[in-house]
């Protein structure tokens, strides 16, 4: 199947690679040409503008956006509205707010352009493990593009969630749950480290142990083990934990719906508090975000940002990764 991927960041690049490995024809565009040339060397067709990208597609065209949420997505959709034709489809795969999806779908719909919102989870490990996909929009559009979802996801790893906005709504709540899980791990490891037994406990081994039959086993614990093996005290990073919007939206939705969500709310506020100090628990959270999504961390020595899975040195920070 033919698809254009617009945005070759940590998520978009590997999604393009997985689609190529699955036998799909990928047209790739990115604001920086170096990444376009990189994926072209692996079999994608390179495009150096949105206009060129769409011209290389056969109708009905499918353009999958993997851009930082906010202005980058908004500007690209505005441009695509003037480039695409009736029957074409825009897939928004970043971490957009679901109410923005409703507005965008209505705007594009007046032009006959289809719109799907797809929440993507899997971080920088998605190339090898597959991506969890939460899809919203018209069912007919979902069914037409299902070969793409099937390639990107592991077995049973994608779901049609409902009408426009449903995909990003489910992903929003997913990320709110993620906040709470990470906060609980951060607190637990802090208690272990501060205990009378902390000097002799190997937290990497504890993480490994808890993933062997324990009720708290998870992929996050696997990543915690990786982080602790690389840096047992997490001494090379600061406990400065950013939030990228989804946790705030989840808490606001809980307020709007009258649903008590004390764990999610507390975990969000903990991230705010992390920016005022540097606790071990917050370093656990920062290390986990770095491990699963390549999110930038602050170096303990310089305060500069480092990124990439298990970053051990300073590297330029990039914009917020969509879908993580």
Protein backbone atom coordinates (compact mmCIF):
# COMPACT_ATOMS: atom_id res chain seq x y z
CA UNK A 1 0.00 0.00 0.00
CA UNK A 2 1.18 3.54 -0.69
CA UNK A 3 1.49 6.11 2.10
CA UNK A 4 3.33 9.35 2.78
CA UNK A 5 4.97 9.87 6.17
CA UNK A 6 5.37 13.55 7.04
CA UNK A 7 7.74 13.94 9.98
CA UNK A 8 10.78 11.71 10.48
CA UNK A 9 11.50 12.16 14.17
CA UNK A 10 12.17 9.35 16.63
CA UNK A 11 8.72 7.85 15.96
CA UNK A 12 8.07 8.76 12.32
CA UNK A 13 11.42 7.50 11.03
CA UNK A 14 11.02 4.05 12.56
CA UNK A 15 7.39 3.83 11.47
CA UNK A 16 8.53 4.52 7.90
CA UNK A 17 11.13 1.77 8.29
CA UNK A 18 8.59 -0.73 9.60
CA UNK A 19 6.23 0.05 6.72
CA UNK A 20 9.05 -0.43 4.21
CA UNK A 21 9.94 -3.75 5.80
CA UNK A 22 6.27 -4.70 5.45
CA UNK A 23 6.36 -4.14 1.70
CA UNK A 24 4.54 -0.80 1.54
CA UNK A 25 5.57 2.08 -0.69
CA UNK A 26 6.60 5.01 1.49
CA UNK A 27 7.00 8.60 0.38
CA UNK A 28 8.89 10.48 3.10
CA UNK A 29 9.09 14.19 3.93
CA UNK A 30 10.75 16.06 6.78
CA UNK A 31 11.65 19.68 7.37
CA UNK A 32 15.34 18.75 7.61
CA UNK A 33 16.53 17.09 4.41
CA UNK A 34 19.13 14.89 6.07
CA UNK A 35 16.50 12.53 7.47
CA UNK A 36 14.74 12.37 4.11
CA UNK A 37 18.00 11.30 2.47
CA UNK A 38 18.61 8.77 5.26
CA UNK A 39 15.29 6.97 4.79
CA UNK A 40 15.58 7.27 0.98
CA UNK A 41 18.76 5.18 1.22
CA UNK A 42 16.61 2.50 2.87
CA UNK A 43 14.03 2.41 0.09
CA UNK A 44 11.62 5.29 0.66
CA UNK A 45 10.82 7.79 -2.06
CA UNK A 46 12.18 11.19 -0.96
CA UNK A 47 10.10 14.36 -1.02
CA UNK A 48 11.40 17.80 -0.08
CA UNK A 49 8.13 19.67 0.32
CA UNK A 50 4.55 18.82 1.18
CA UNK A 51 3.58 19.70 -2.36
CA UNK A 52 6.14 17.35 -3.87
CA UNK A 53 5.11 14.64 -1.42
CA UNK A 54 1.47 14.73 -2.46
CA UNK A 55 2.34 14.85 -6.17
CA UNK A 56 4.17 11.55 -5.78
CA UNK A 57 1.05 9.76 -4.47
CA UNK A 58 -1.68 8.06 -6.45
CA UNK A 59 -5.27 8.97 -5.53
CA UNK A 60 -6.84 8.40 -3.14
CA UNK A 61 -3.77 9.70 -1.31
CA UNK A 62 -2.89 8.98 2.30
CA UNK A 63 -0.71 11.39 4.26
CA UNK A 64 0.29 10.28 7.75
CA UNK A 65 1.49 13.13 9.97
CA UNK A 66 4.05 12.38 12.70
CA UNK A 67 4.81 15.91 13.82
CA UNK A 68 5.02 17.63 17.22
CA UNK A 69 1.52 18.43 18.48
CA UNK A 70 0.41 22.02 18.12
CA UNK A 71 1.53 24.55 15.52
CA UNK A 72 3.47 22.08 13.37
CA UNK A 73 0.41 19.87 12.91
CA UNK A 74 -1.96 22.81 12.52
CA UNK A 75 0.19 24.46 9.86
CA UNK A 76 0.67 21.24 7.91
CA UNK A 77 -3.05 20.48 7.89
CA UNK A 78 -3.78 24.00 6.66
CA UNK A 79 -1.35 23.48 3.79
CA UNK A 80 -2.67 20.01 3.00
CA UNK A 81 -6.20 21.37 2.84
CA UNK A 82 -5.14 23.40 -0.20
CA UNK A 83 -3.12 20.57 -1.78
CA UNK A 84 -5.16 17.40 -1.32
CA UNK A 85 -8.36 16.51 -3.16
CA UNK A 86 -11.70 14.96 -2.29
CA UNK A 87 -11.26 11.32 -1.28
CA UNK A 88 -7.71 11.79 0.04
CA UNK A 89 -7.04 11.07 3.72
CA UNK A 90 -4.99 12.77 6.43
CA UNK A 91 -3.90 10.55 9.33
CA UNK A 92 -2.83 12.50 12.42
CA UNK A 93 -0.52 10.24 14.42
CA UNK A 94 0.85 12.72 16.95
CA UNK A 95 -0.40 13.47 20.44
CA UNK A 96 -3.10 15.93 19.42
CA UNK A 97 -5.96 16.94 21.70
CA UNK A 98 -9.09 15.07 20.63
CA UNK A 99 -11.17 18.26 20.40
CA UNK A 100 -8.70 19.57 17.82
CA UNK A 101 -9.45 16.42 15.81
CA UNK A 102 -13.15 17.29 15.76
CA UNK A 103 -12.43 20.75 14.40
CA UNK A 104 -9.90 19.54 11.84
CA UNK A 105 -12.10 16.72 10.57
CA UNK A 106 -14.98 19.14 10.05
CA UNK A 107 -12.75 21.59 8.18
CA UNK A 108 -11.26 18.94 5.89
CA UNK A 109 -14.63 17.22 5.51
CA UNK A 110 -16.08 20.31 3.85
CA UNK A 111 -13.46 19.73 1.13
CA UNK A 112 -14.18 16.01 0.91
CA UNK A 113 -10.85 15.15 2.56
CA UNK A 114 -10.98 12.26 5.01
CA UNK A 115 -9.39 12.39 8.49
CA UNK A 116 -8.29 9.72 10.95
CA UNK A 117 -6.79 10.37 14.38
CA UNK A 118 -4.41 7.63 15.49
CA UNK A 119 -2.90 7.51 18.95
CA UNK A 120 0.48 5.79 18.68
CA UNK A 121 2.34 4.18 21.57
CA UNK A 122 5.57 2.25 21.38
CA UNK A 123 8.24 4.91 21.59
CA UNK A 124 11.65 4.30 20.13
CA UNK A 125 11.17 0.52 20.46
CA UNK A 126 8.30 0.37 17.98
CA UNK A 127 10.46 -0.62 15.02
CA UNK A 128 11.30 -3.99 16.56
CA UNK A 129 8.32 -4.49 18.90
CA UNK A 130 5.52 -2.84 16.91
CA UNK A 131 3.26 0.09 17.73
CA UNK A 132 0.03 0.09 19.70
CA UNK A 133 -2.46 2.00 17.55
CA UNK A 134 -5.73 3.59 18.72
CA UNK A 135 -7.77 4.73 15.70
CA UNK A 136 -10.62 7.24 15.50
CA UNK A 137 -12.63 8.43 12.51
CA UNK A 138 -14.97 6.89 9.95
CA UNK A 139 -14.93 3.09 9.98
CA UNK A 140 -14.73 2.91 6.18
CA UNK A 141 -11.49 4.91 6.25
CA UNK A 142 -10.13 2.68 9.00
CA UNK A 143 -10.90 -0.44 6.95
CA UNK A 144 -9.29 0.98 3.82
CA UNK A 145 -6.05 1.78 5.67
CA UNK A 146 -6.08 -1.36 7.83
CA UNK A 147 -3.12 -2.91 5.94
CA UNK A 148 -0.96 -0.07 7.27
CA UNK A 149 -2.16 -0.57 10.83
CA UNK A 150 -1.62 -4.31 10.59
CA UNK A 151 1.99 -3.80 9.50
CA UNK A 152 2.81 -1.22 12.15
CA UNK A 153 1.25 -3.05 15.09
CA UNK A 154 2.10 -6.34 16.81
CA UNK A 155 -0.58 -9.03 16.88
CA UNK A 156 -3.85 -7.56 18.25
CA UNK A 157 -2.04 -4.25 18.58
CA UNK A 158 -4.50 -1.92 16.85
CA UNK A 159 -8.13 -1.04 17.52
CA UNK A 160 -10.86 0.99 15.89
CA UNK A 161 -12.03 3.06 18.87
CA UNK A 162 -14.94 4.96 17.31
CA UNK A 163 -15.70 8.25 15.60
CA UNK A 164 -13.44 11.23 15.12
CA UNK A 165 -11.37 12.00 18.21
CA UNK A 166 -11.81 8.57 19.78
CA UNK A 167 -8.28 7.43 18.92
CA UNK A 168 -6.58 10.40 20.52
CA UNK A 169 -9.01 10.32 23.44
CA UNK A 170 -8.05 6.71 24.25
CA UNK A 171 -4.36 7.60 23.84
CA UNK A 172 -4.80 10.58 26.17
CA UNK A 173 -6.18 8.38 28.93
CA UNK A 174 -3.45 5.80 28.19
CA UNK A 175 -0.82 8.44 28.86
CA UNK A 176 -2.59 9.55 32.03
CA UNK A 177 -2.37 5.96 33.30
CA UNK A 178 1.29 5.92 32.29
CA UNK A 179 1.90 8.97 34.50
CA UNK A 180 0.48 7.16 37.52
CA UNK A 181 2.39 3.93 36.89
CA UNK A 182 5.68 5.75 36.52
CA UNK A 183 5.05 7.78 39.66
CA UNK A 184 4.38 4.61 41.67
CA UNK A 185 7.61 3.02 40.46
CA UNK A 186 9.51 6.22 41.24
CA UNK A 187 8.14 6.30 44.79
CA UNK A 188 8.80 2.59 45.35
CA UNK A 189 12.42 2.74 44.26
CA UNK A 190 12.91 5.87 46.37
CA UNK A 191 11.65 4.01 49.45
CA UNK A 192 13.98 1.10 48.70
CA UNK A 193 16.99 3.36 48.21
CA UNK A 194 16.34 5.35 51.40
CA UNK A 195 15.75 2.24 53.56
CA UNK A 196 18.28 0.60 55.89
CA UNK A 197 18.74 -2.00 53.15
CA UNK A 198 19.24 0.49 50.35
CA UNK A 199 23.03 0.44 50.39
CA UNK A 200 23.09 -3.25 49.54
CA UNK A 201 20.11 -3.46 47.19
CA UNK A 202 20.83 -3.65 43.49
CA UNK A 203 17.84 -1.88 41.96
CA UNK A 204 18.49 -3.39 38.53
CA UNK A 205 18.22 -6.84 40.06
CA UNK A 206 15.06 -5.84 41.96
CA UNK A 207 13.54 -4.60 38.68
CA UNK A 208 14.48 -7.87 37.01
CA UNK A 209 13.05 -9.89 39.90
CA UNK A 210 9.71 -8.06 39.90
CA UNK A 211 9.29 -8.90 36.21
CA UNK A 212 9.42 -12.63 36.98
CA UNK A 213 5.87 -13.52 38.00
CA UNK A 214 5.16 -10.45 40.15
CA UNK A 215 1.81 -8.66 39.91
CA UNK A 216 3.67 -5.38 39.25
CA UNK A 217 5.64 -6.72 36.26
CA UNK A 218 5.63 -4.48 33.18
CA UNK A 219 7.64 -3.18 30.25
CA UNK A 220 8.38 -0.08 32.32
CA UNK A 221 10.19 -2.32 34.81
CA UNK A 222 12.25 -3.77 31.97
CA UNK A 223 13.24 -0.22 31.08
CA UNK A 224 13.95 0.61 34.71
CA UNK A 225 16.32 -2.38 34.81
CA UNK A 226 18.13 -1.07 31.72
CA UNK A 227 18.44 2.40 33.27
CA UNK A 228 19.74 1.07 36.61
CA UNK A 229 22.27 -1.22 34.92
CA UNK A 230 23.65 1.72 32.97
CA UNK A 231 23.66 4.12 35.92
CA UNK A 232 22.84 2.42 39.27
CA UNK A 233 22.23 5.67 41.16
CA UNK A 234 20.91 7.63 38.16
CA UNK A 235 23.61 10.11 39.09
CA UNK A 236 24.20 11.38 35.56
CA UNK A 237 20.74 12.87 35.10
CA UNK A 238 18.55 15.36 36.92
CA UNK A 239 15.10 14.51 38.22
CA UNK A 240 13.49 17.11 35.96
CA UNK A 241 10.40 15.56 34.42
CA UNK A 242 8.56 17.28 31.60
CA UNK A 243 4.95 16.68 30.63
CA UNK A 244 3.74 16.86 27.06
CA UNK A 245 0.05 17.64 27.53
CA UNK A 246 -1.79 14.34 27.70
CA UNK A 247 -1.69 14.11 31.51
CA UNK A 248 -3.13 17.61 31.83
CA UNK A 249 -5.89 16.80 29.35
CA UNK A 250 -6.71 13.57 31.18
CA UNK A 251 -7.04 15.37 34.52
CA UNK A 252 -9.19 18.07 32.90
CA UNK A 253 -11.41 15.39 31.34
CA UNK A 254 -11.78 13.74 34.75
CA UNK A 255 -12.92 17.10 36.15
CA UNK A 256 -15.34 17.65 33.24
CA UNK A 257 -16.76 14.14 33.64
CA UNK A 258 -16.91 14.26 37.43
CA UNK A 259 -14.68 11.18 37.69
CA UNK A 260 -12.30 11.03 40.67
CA UNK A 261 -8.73 10.53 39.43
CA UNK A 262 -6.48 11.27 42.43
CA UNK A 263 -3.57 9.10 41.27
CA UNK A 264 -3.39 10.68 37.81
CA UNK A 265 -3.75 14.20 39.22
CA UNK A 266 -1.06 13.63 41.87
CA UNK A 267 1.35 12.17 39.30
CA UNK A 268 0.85 15.23 37.09
CA UNK A 269 1.53 17.60 39.96
CA UNK A 270 4.60 15.55 40.88
CA UNK A 271 6.03 16.38 37.46
CA UNK A 272 5.48 20.06 38.16
CA UNK A 273 7.22 19.68 41.53
CA UNK A 274 10.17 17.89 39.93
CA UNK A 275 11.17 21.13 38.26
CA UNK A 276 11.79 22.71 41.64
CA UNK A 277 14.19 20.07 42.99
CA UNK A 278 16.07 16.88 42.21
CA UNK A 279 14.87 13.74 44.02
CA UNK A 280 15.81 10.14 43.28
CA UNK A 281 12.18 9.29 42.51
CA UNK A 282 12.05 12.02 39.90
CA UNK A 283 15.29 10.72 38.38
CA UNK A 284 13.54 7.33 38.00
CA UNK A 285 10.71 9.05 36.09
CA UNK A 286 13.14 10.99 33.90
CA UNK A 287 15.12 7.82 33.18
CA UNK A 288 11.97 5.90 32.23
CA UNK A 289 10.81 8.62 29.82
CA UNK A 290 14.27 8.58 28.28
CA UNK A 291 14.25 4.80 27.96
CA UNK A 292 10.84 4.34 26.30
CA UNK A 293 10.55 7.49 24.24
CA UNK A 294 14.03 8.95 23.90
CA UNK A 295 12.76 12.04 25.70
CA UNK A 296 15.47 14.47 26.66
CA UNK A 297 16.91 14.41 30.17
CA UNK A 298 19.00 17.04 31.92
CA UNK A 299 22.61 16.11 32.58
CA UNK A 300 23.43 16.20 36.28
CA UNK A 301 26.77 17.85 35.55
CA UNK A 302 25.93 20.53 33.02
CA UNK A 303 22.17 20.89 33.07
CA UNK A 304 22.22 20.45 29.28
CA UNK A 305 19.75 18.13 27.63
CA UNK A 306 20.65 14.63 26.52
CA UNK A 307 18.34 12.30 24.65
CA UNK A 308 18.07 8.85 23.14
CA UNK A 309 17.39 5.57 24.92
CA UNK A 310 19.59 5.38 27.97
CA UNK A 311 21.42 8.56 27.04
CA UNK A 312 24.80 8.64 28.66
CA UNK A 313 26.11 11.85 27.14
CA UNK A 314 24.90 15.24 26.11
CA UNK A 315 23.21 15.50 22.74
CA UNK A 316 20.98 18.14 21.15
CA UNK A 317 17.40 17.91 22.36
CA UNK A 318 14.67 17.62 19.76
CA UNK A 319 11.02 18.65 19.87
CA UNK A 320 8.44 16.57 21.70
CA UNK A 321 8.10 13.18 20.10
CA UNK A 322 4.60 12.51 18.76
CA UNK A 323 2.76 9.37 20.06
CA UNK A 324 4.88 8.80 23.18
